[in-house]
Amino acid sequence: MAAVLRGHVDAVLLTGGMAHSTKLVEAVTESVRWIAPVSTYPGEDELQALSEGTLRVLRGEEVAQDFGKMGLSN
């Protein structure tokens, strides 16, 4: 994304359960800190967010997105 944004990145955010891993956060931070400041927001709400999103689609409140058709090709 840094290339697409032409280097204008405000921050790199690490979220979810993975942000609890000090070793992982340190490794990612070391690799990307030159792009932008790194912030972590640990939590374990991924499954709840996925289930709530699925319910919104099933209830017709939201349209499902197909990220497999984003124009990316090999």
PDB file of N, CA and C in Angstrom:
ATOM      1  N   MET A   1       0.814  -1.191   0.000  1.00  0.00           N
ATOM      2  CA  MET A   1       0.000   0.000   0.000  1.00  0.00           C
ATOM      3  C   MET A   1       0.859   1.257   0.000  1.00  0.00           C
ATOM      4  N   ALA A   2       2.043   1.184   0.568  1.00  0.00           N
ATOM      5  CA  ALA A   2       2.892   2.371   0.590  1.00  0.00           C
ATOM      6  C   ALA A   2       3.195   2.839  -0.825  1.00  0.00           C
ATOM      7  N   ALA A   3       3.372   1.897  -1.750  1.00  0.00           N
ATOM      8  CA  ALA A   3       3.636   2.269  -3.137  1.00  0.00           C
ATOM      9  C   ALA A   3       2.401   2.914  -3.764  1.00  0.00           C
ATOM     10  N   VAL A   4       1.239   2.331  -3.536  1.00  0.00           N
ATOM     11  CA  VAL A   4      -0.006   2.875  -4.084  1.00  0.00           C
ATOM     12  C   VAL A   4      -0.277   4.263  -3.517  1.00  0.00           C
ATOM     13  N   LEU A   5       0.038   4.458  -2.253  1.00  0.00           N
ATOM     14  CA  LEU A   5      -0.184   5.745  -1.595  1.00  0.00           C
ATOM     15  C   LEU A   5       0.974   6.716  -1.832  1.00  0.00           C
ATOM     16  N   ARG A   6       1.932   6.300  -2.645  1.00  0.00           N
ATOM     17  CA  ARG A   6       3.110   7.117  -2.989  1.00  0.00           C
ATOM     18  C   ARG A   6       3.846   7.605  -1.746  1.00  0.00           C
ATOM     19  N   GLY A   7       3.930   6.725  -0.762  1.00  0.00           N
ATOM     20  CA  GLY A   7       4.675   7.031   0.444  1.00  0.00           C
ATOM     21  C   GLY A   7       3.944   7.879   1.467  1.00  0.00           C
ATOM     22  N   HIS A   8       2.733   8.304   1.163  1.00  0.00           N
ATOM     23  CA  HIS A   8       1.968   9.148   2.085  1.00  0.00           C
ATOM     24  C   HIS A   8       1.125   8.272   3.017  1.00  0.00           C
ATOM     25  N   VAL A   9       1.807   7.599   3.932  1.00  0.00           N
ATOM     26  CA  VAL A   9       1.153   6.703   4.879  1.00  0.00           C
ATOM     27  C   VAL A   9       1.190   7.357   6.250  1.00  0.00           C
ATOM     28  N   ASP A  10       0.030   7.491   6.876  1.00  0.00           N
ATOM     29  CA  ASP A  10      -0.034   8.124   8.194  1.00  0.00           C
ATOM     30  C   ASP A  10       0.438   7.200   9.300  1.00  0.00           C
ATOM     31  N   ALA A  11       0.085   5.923   9.194  1.00  0.00           N
ATOM     32  CA  ALA A  11       0.428   4.978  10.250  1.00  0.00           C
ATOM     33  C   ALA A  11       0.228   3.555   9.755  1.00  0.00           C
ATOM     34  N   VAL A  12       0.940   2.645  10.394  1.00  0.00           N
ATOM     35  CA  VAL A  12       0.733   1.213  10.188  1.00  0.00           C
ATOM     36  C   VAL A  12       0.091   0.704  11.479  1.00  0.00           C
ATOM     37  N   LEU A  13      -1.077   0.084  11.359  1.00  0.00           N
ATOM     38  CA  LEU A  13      -1.803  -0.387  12.535  1.00  0.00           C
ATOM     39  C   LEU A  13      -1.789  -1.903  12.591  1.00  0.00           C
ATOM     40  N   LEU A  14      -1.411  -2.438  13.724  1.00  0.00           N
ATOM     41  CA  LEU A  14      -1.451  -3.878  13.962  1.00  0.00           C
ATOM     42  C   LEU A  14      -2.565  -4.122  14.961  1.00  0.00           C
ATOM     43  N   THR A  15      -3.545  -4.934  14.558  1.00  0.00           N
ATOM     44  CA  THR A  15      -4.719  -5.129  15.394  1.00  0.00           C
ATOM     45  C   THR A  15      -4.988  -6.603  15.633  1.00  0.00           C
ATOM     46  N   GLY A  16      -5.973  -6.859  16.449  1.00  0.00           N
ATOM     47  CA  GLY A  16      -6.430  -8.221  16.669  1.00  0.00           C
ATOM     48  C   GLY A  16      -5.536  -9.006  17.593  1.00  0.00           C
ATOM     49  N   GLY A  17      -5.741 -10.300  17.570  1.00  0.00           N
ATOM     50  CA  GLY A  17      -4.999 -11.199  18.436  1.00  0.00           C
ATOM     51  C   GLY A  17      -3.504 -11.180  18.175  1.00  0.00           C
ATOM     52  N   MET A  18      -3.114 -10.970  16.918  1.00  0.00           N
ATOM     53  CA  MET A  18      -1.683 -10.971  16.598  1.00  0.00           C
ATOM     54  C   MET A  18      -0.938  -9.844  17.294  1.00  0.00           C
ATOM     55  N   ALA A  19      -1.619  -8.775  17.630  1.00  0.00           N
ATOM     56  CA  ALA A  19      -0.968  -7.644  18.283  1.00  0.00           C
ATOM     57  C   ALA A  19      -0.576  -7.954  19.722  1.00  0.00           C
ATOM     58  N   HIS A  20      -0.997  -9.097  20.254  1.00  0.00           N
ATOM     59  CA  HIS A  20      -0.579  -9.530  21.586  1.00  0.00           C
ATOM     60  C   HIS A  20       0.819 -10.141  21.565  1.00  0.00           C
ATOM     61  N   SER A  21       1.302 -10.531  20.393  1.00  0.00           N
ATOM     62  CA  SER A  21       2.604 -11.186  20.277  1.00  0.00           C
ATOM     63  C   SER A  21       3.715 -10.151  20.177  1.00  0.00           C
ATOM     64  N   THR A  22       4.450  -9.991  21.249  1.00  0.00           N
ATOM     65  CA  THR A  22       5.553  -9.024  21.271  1.00  0.00           C
ATOM     66  C   THR A  22       6.565  -9.329  20.177  1.00  0.00           C
ATOM     67  N   LYS A  23       6.885 -10.603  20.005  1.00  0.00           N
ATOM     68  CA  LYS A  23       7.869 -11.000  18.995  1.00  0.00           C
ATOM     69  C   LYS A  23       7.396 -10.620  17.589  1.00  0.00           C
ATOM     70  N   LEU A  24       6.134 -10.880  17.281  1.00  0.00           N
ATOM     71  CA  LEU A  24       5.597 -10.541  15.969  1.00  0.00           C
ATOM     72  C   LEU A  24       5.543  -9.029  15.769  1.00  0.00           C
ATOM     73  N   VAL A  25       5.068  -8.309  16.769  1.00  0.00           N
ATOM     74  CA  VAL A  25       4.973  -6.849  16.670  1.00  0.00           C
ATOM     75  C   VAL A  25       6.357  -6.252  16.454  1.00  0.00           C
ATOM     76  N   GLU A  26       7.354  -6.730  17.176  1.00  0.00           N
ATOM     77  CA  GLU A  26       8.721  -6.220  17.009  1.00  0.00           C
ATOM     78  C   GLU A  26       9.245  -6.503  15.611  1.00  0.00           C
ATOM     79  N   ALA A  27       8.995  -7.697  15.089  1.00  0.00           N
ATOM     80  CA  ALA A  27       9.473  -8.065  13.749  1.00  0.00           C
ATOM     81  C   ALA A  27       8.807  -7.208  12.670  1.00  0.00           C
ATOM     82  N   VAL A  28       7.499  -7.057  12.772  1.00  0.00           N
ATOM     83  CA  VAL A  28       6.792  -6.245  11.779  1.00  0.00           C
ATOM     84  C   VAL A  28       7.220  -4.790  11.892  1.00  0.00           C
ATOM     85  N   THR A  29       7.327  -4.282  13.099  1.00  0.00           N
ATOM     86  CA  THR A  29       7.740  -2.894  13.314  1.00  0.00           C
ATOM     87  C   THR A  29       9.112  -2.645  12.706  1.00  0.00           C
ATOM     88  N   GLU A  30      10.033  -3.555  12.926  1.00  0.00           N
ATOM     89  CA  GLU A  30      11.385  -3.419  12.371  1.00  0.00           C
ATOM     90  C   GLU A  30      11.335  -3.328  10.846  1.00  0.00           C
ATOM     91  N   SER A  31      10.424  -4.067  10.233  1.00  0.00           N
ATOM     92  CA  SER A  31      10.337  -4.107   8.778  1.00  0.00           C
ATOM     93  C   SER A  31       9.620  -2.906   8.160  1.00  0.00           C
ATOM     94  N   VAL A  32       8.698  -2.293   8.912  1.00  0.00           N
ATOM     95  CA  VAL A  32       7.871  -1.247   8.288  1.00  0.00           C
ATOM     96  C   VAL A  32       7.986   0.134   8.920  1.00  0.00           C
ATOM     97  N   ARG A  33       8.758   0.288   9.967  1.00  0.00           N
ATOM     98  CA  ARG A  33       8.799   1.592  10.642  1.00  0.00           C
ATOM     99  C   ARG A  33       9.304   2.713   9.742  1.00  0.00           C
ATOM    100  N   TRP A  34      10.019   2.384   8.670  1.00  0.00           N
ATOM    101  CA  TRP A  34      10.493   3.409   7.736  1.00  0.00           C
ATOM    102  C   TRP A  34       9.342   3.984   6.909  1.00  0.00           C
ATOM    103  N   ILE A  35       8.241   3.246   6.846  1.00  0.00           N
ATOM    104  CA  ILE A  35       7.083   3.702   6.078  1.00  0.00           C
ATOM    105  C   ILE A  35       6.291   4.729   6.880  1.00  0.00           C
ATOM    106  N   ALA A  36       6.017   4.402   8.146  1.00  0.00           N
ATOM    107  CA  ALA A  36       5.204   5.262   9.010  1.00  0.00           C
ATOM    108  C   ALA A  36       5.293   4.734  10.435  1.00  0.00           C
ATOM    109  N   PRO A  37       4.871   5.542  11.395  1.00  0.00           N
ATOM    110  CA  PRO A  37       4.839   5.058  12.776  1.00  0.00           C
ATOM    111  C   PRO A  37       3.921   3.833  12.898  1.00  0.00           C
ATOM    112  N   VAL A  38       4.298   2.919  13.779  1.00  0.00           N
ATOM    113  CA  VAL A  38       3.528   1.691  13.985  1.00  0.00           C
ATOM    114  C   VAL A  38       2.798   1.778  15.318  1.00  0.00           C
ATOM    115  N   SER A  39       1.500   1.488  15.298  1.00  0.00           N
ATOM    116  CA  SER A  39       0.695   1.452  16.517  1.00  0.00           C
ATOM    117  C   SER A  39       0.024   0.095  16.623  1.00  0.00           C
ATOM    118  N   THR A  40      -0.139  -0.372  17.849  1.00  0.00           N
ATOM    119  CA  THR A  40      -0.805  -1.661  18.061  1.00  0.00           C
ATOM    120  C   THR A  40      -2.091  -1.453  18.850  1.00  0.00           C
ATOM    121  N   TYR A  41      -3.097  -2.229  18.478  1.00  0.00           N
ATOM    122  CA  TYR A  41      -4.389  -2.228  19.146  1.00  0.00           C
ATOM    123  C   TYR A  41      -4.784  -3.679  19.383  1.00  0.00           C
ATOM    124  N   PRO A  42      -4.193  -4.302  20.417  1.00  0.00           N
ATOM    125  CA  PRO A  42      -4.474  -5.714  20.663  1.00  0.00           C
ATOM    126  C   PRO A  42      -5.941  -5.949  21.018  1.00  0.00           C
ATOM    127  N   GLY A  43      -6.411  -7.075  20.612  1.00  0.00           N
ATOM    128  CA  GLY A  43      -7.776  -7.474  20.916  1.00  0.00           C
ATOM    129  C   GLY A  43      -8.030  -8.823  20.277  1.00  0.00           C
ATOM    130  N   GLU A  44      -9.139  -9.378  20.583  1.00  0.00           N
ATOM    131  CA  GLU A  44      -9.469 -10.671  20.003  1.00  0.00           C
ATOM    132  C   GLU A  44     -10.917 -10.664  19.555  1.00  0.00           C
ATOM    133  N   ASP A  45     -11.273  -9.635  18.814  1.00  0.00           N
ATOM    134  CA  ASP A  45     -12.649  -9.472  18.382  1.00  0.00           C
ATOM    135  C   ASP A  45     -12.868  -9.876  16.929  1.00  0.00           C
ATOM    136  N   GLU A  46     -11.874 -10.534  16.306  1.00  0.00           N
ATOM    137  CA  GLU A  46     -11.985 -10.869  14.889  1.00  0.00           C
ATOM    138  C   GLU A  46     -13.190 -11.754  14.600  1.00  0.00           C
ATOM    139  N   LEU A  47     -13.368 -12.795  15.403  1.00  0.00           N
ATOM    140  CA  LEU A  47     -14.478 -13.724  15.151  1.00  0.00           C
ATOM    141  C   LEU A  47     -15.824 -13.050  15.366  1.00  0.00           C
ATOM    142  N   GLN A  48     -15.919 -12.207  16.360  1.00  0.00           N
ATOM    143  CA  GLN A  48     -17.166 -11.482  16.584  1.00  0.00           C
ATOM    144  C   GLN A  48     -17.447 -10.550  15.412  1.00  0.00           C
ATOM    145  N   ALA A  49     -16.433  -9.847  14.923  1.00  0.00           N
ATOM    146  CA  ALA A  49     -16.623  -8.947  13.787  1.00  0.00           C
ATOM    147  C   ALA A  49     -17.046  -9.719  12.541  1.00  0.00           C
ATOM    148  N   LEU A  50     -16.430 -10.883  12.306  1.00  0.00           N
ATOM    149  CA  LEU A  50     -16.813 -11.707  11.152  1.00  0.00           C
ATOM    150  C   LEU A  50     -18.256 -12.179  11.267  1.00  0.00           C
ATOM    151  N   SER A  51     -18.653 -12.633  12.456  1.00  0.00           N
ATOM    152  CA  SER A  51     -20.017 -13.134  12.612  1.00  0.00           C
ATOM    153  C   SER A  51     -21.037 -12.003  12.491  1.00  0.00           C
ATOM    154  N   GLU A  52     -20.722 -10.836  13.030  1.00  0.00           N
ATOM    155  CA  GLU A  52     -21.642  -9.705  12.911  1.00  0.00           C
ATOM    156  C   GLU A  52     -21.782  -9.254  11.460  1.00  0.00           C
ATOM    157  N   GLY A  53     -20.672  -9.262  10.717  1.00  0.00           N
ATOM    158  CA  GLY A  53     -20.728  -8.915   9.303  1.00  0.00           C
ATOM    159  C   GLY A  53     -21.558  -9.913   8.517  1.00  0.00           C
ATOM    160  N   THR A  54     -21.414 -11.184   8.826  1.00  0.00           N
ATOM    161  CA  THR A  54     -22.195 -12.223   8.157  1.00  0.00           C
ATOM    162  C   THR A  54     -23.678 -12.038   8.435  1.00  0.00           C
ATOM    163  N   LEU A  55     -24.024 -11.742   9.679  1.00  0.00           N
ATOM    164  CA  LEU A  55     -25.431 -11.510  10.029  1.00  0.00           C
ATOM    165  C   LEU A  55     -26.001 -10.310   9.271  1.00  0.00           C
ATOM    166  N   ARG A  56     -25.214  -9.250   9.126  1.00  0.00           N
ATOM    167  CA  ARG A  56     -25.695  -8.081   8.381  1.00  0.00           C
ATOM    168  C   ARG A  56     -25.994  -8.448   6.934  1.00  0.00           C
ATOM    169  N   VAL A  57     -25.153  -9.283   6.325  1.00  0.00           N
ATOM    170  CA  VAL A  57     -25.387  -9.723   4.950  1.00  0.00           C
ATOM    171  C   VAL A  57     -26.633 -10.602   4.887  1.00  0.00           C
ATOM    172  N   LEU A  58     -26.754 -11.560   5.792  1.00  0.00           N
ATOM    173  CA  LEU A  58     -27.901 -12.461   5.795  1.00  0.00           C
ATOM    174  C   LEU A  58     -29.221 -11.725   6.027  1.00  0.00           C
ATOM    175  N   ARG A  59     -29.168 -10.653   6.798  1.00  0.00           N
ATOM    176  CA  ARG A  59     -30.377  -9.863   7.070  1.00  0.00           C
ATOM    177  C   ARG A  59     -30.689  -8.866   5.958  1.00  0.00           C
ATOM    178  N   GLY A  60     -29.796  -8.772   4.974  1.00  0.00           N
ATOM    179  CA  GLY A  60     -30.008  -7.839   3.873  1.00  0.00           C
ATOM    180  C   GLY A  60     -29.643  -6.405   4.207  1.00  0.00           C
ATOM    181  N   GLU A  61     -28.929  -6.205   5.307  1.00  0.00           N
ATOM    182  CA  GLU A  61     -28.531  -4.861   5.730  1.00  0.00           C
ATOM    183  C   GLU A  61     -27.267  -4.391   5.007  1.00  0.00           C
ATOM    184  N   GLU A  62     -26.574  -5.321   4.400  1.00  0.00           N
ATOM    185  CA  GLU A  62     -25.281  -5.038   3.774  1.00  0.00           C
ATOM    186  C   GLU A  62     -25.107  -6.002   2.616  1.00  0.00           C
ATOM    187  N   VAL A  63     -24.358  -5.581   1.607  1.00  0.00           N
ATOM    188  CA  VAL A  63     -24.078  -6.452   0.464  1.00  0.00           C
ATOM    189  C   VAL A  63     -22.715  -7.095   0.670  1.00  0.00           C
ATOM    190  N   ALA A  64     -22.626  -8.389   0.426  1.00  0.00           N
ATOM    191  CA  ALA A  64     -21.348  -9.095   0.558  1.00  0.00           C
ATOM    192  C   ALA A  64     -20.357  -8.581  -0.480  1.00  0.00           C
ATOM    193  N   GLN A  65     -19.117  -8.440  -0.087  1.00  0.00           N
ATOM    194  CA  GLN A  65     -18.057  -7.989  -0.988  1.00  0.00           C
ATOM    195  C   GLN A  65     -17.285  -9.181  -1.510  1.00  0.00           C
ATOM    196  N   ASP A  66     -16.898  -9.130  -2.777  1.00  0.00           N
ATOM    197  CA  ASP A  66     -16.081 -10.191  -3.371  1.00  0.00           C
ATOM    198  C   ASP A  66     -14.695  -9.642  -3.621  1.00  0.00           C
ATOM    199  N   PHE A  67     -13.792  -9.841  -2.669  1.00  0.00           N
ATOM    200  CA  PHE A  67     -12.452  -9.289  -2.771  1.00  0.00           C
ATOM    201  C   PHE A  67     -11.567 -10.091  -3.726  1.00  0.00           C
ATOM    202  N   GLY A  68     -12.085 -11.178  -4.256  1.00  0.00           N
ATOM    203  CA  GLY A  68     -11.354 -11.944  -5.247  1.00  0.00           C
ATOM    204  C   GLY A  68     -11.402 -11.293  -6.614  1.00  0.00           C
ATOM    205  N   LYS A  69     -12.202 -10.261  -6.769  1.00  0.00           N
ATOM    206  CA  LYS A  69     -12.353  -9.580  -8.057  1.00  0.00           C
ATOM    207  C   LYS A  69     -11.890  -8.129  -7.968  1.00  0.00           C
ATOM    208  N   MET A  70     -10.754  -7.909  -7.325  1.00  0.00           N
ATOM    209  CA  MET A  70     -10.268  -6.556  -7.140  1.00  0.00           C
ATOM    210  C   MET A  70      -9.368  -6.104  -8.280  1.00  0.00           C
ATOM    211  N   GLY A  71      -9.359  -6.824  -9.389  1.00  0.00           N
ATOM    212  CA  GLY A  71      -8.546  -6.417 -10.508  1.00  0.00           C
ATOM    213  C   GLY A  71      -7.102  -6.837 -10.398  1.00  0.00           C
ATOM    214  N   LEU A  72      -6.792  -7.713  -9.479  1.00  0.00           N
ATOM    215  CA  LEU A  72      -5.426  -8.191  -9.323  1.00  0.00           C
ATOM    216  C   LEU A  72      -5.214  -9.413 -10.196  1.00  0.00           C
ATOM    217  N   SER A  73      -4.145  -9.435 -10.899  1.00  0.00           N
ATOM    218  CA  SER A  73      -3.852 -10.610 -11.736  1.00  0.00           C
ATOM    219  C   SER A  73      -2.418 -11.040 -11.541  1.00  0.00           C
ATOM    220  N   ASN A  74      -2.144 -12.280 -11.924  1.00  0.00           N
ATOM    221  CA  ASN A  74      -0.780 -12.812 -11.759  1.00  0.00           C
ATOM    222  C   ASN A  74       0.090 -12.361 -12.890  1.00  0.00           C
TER     223      ASN A  74
END
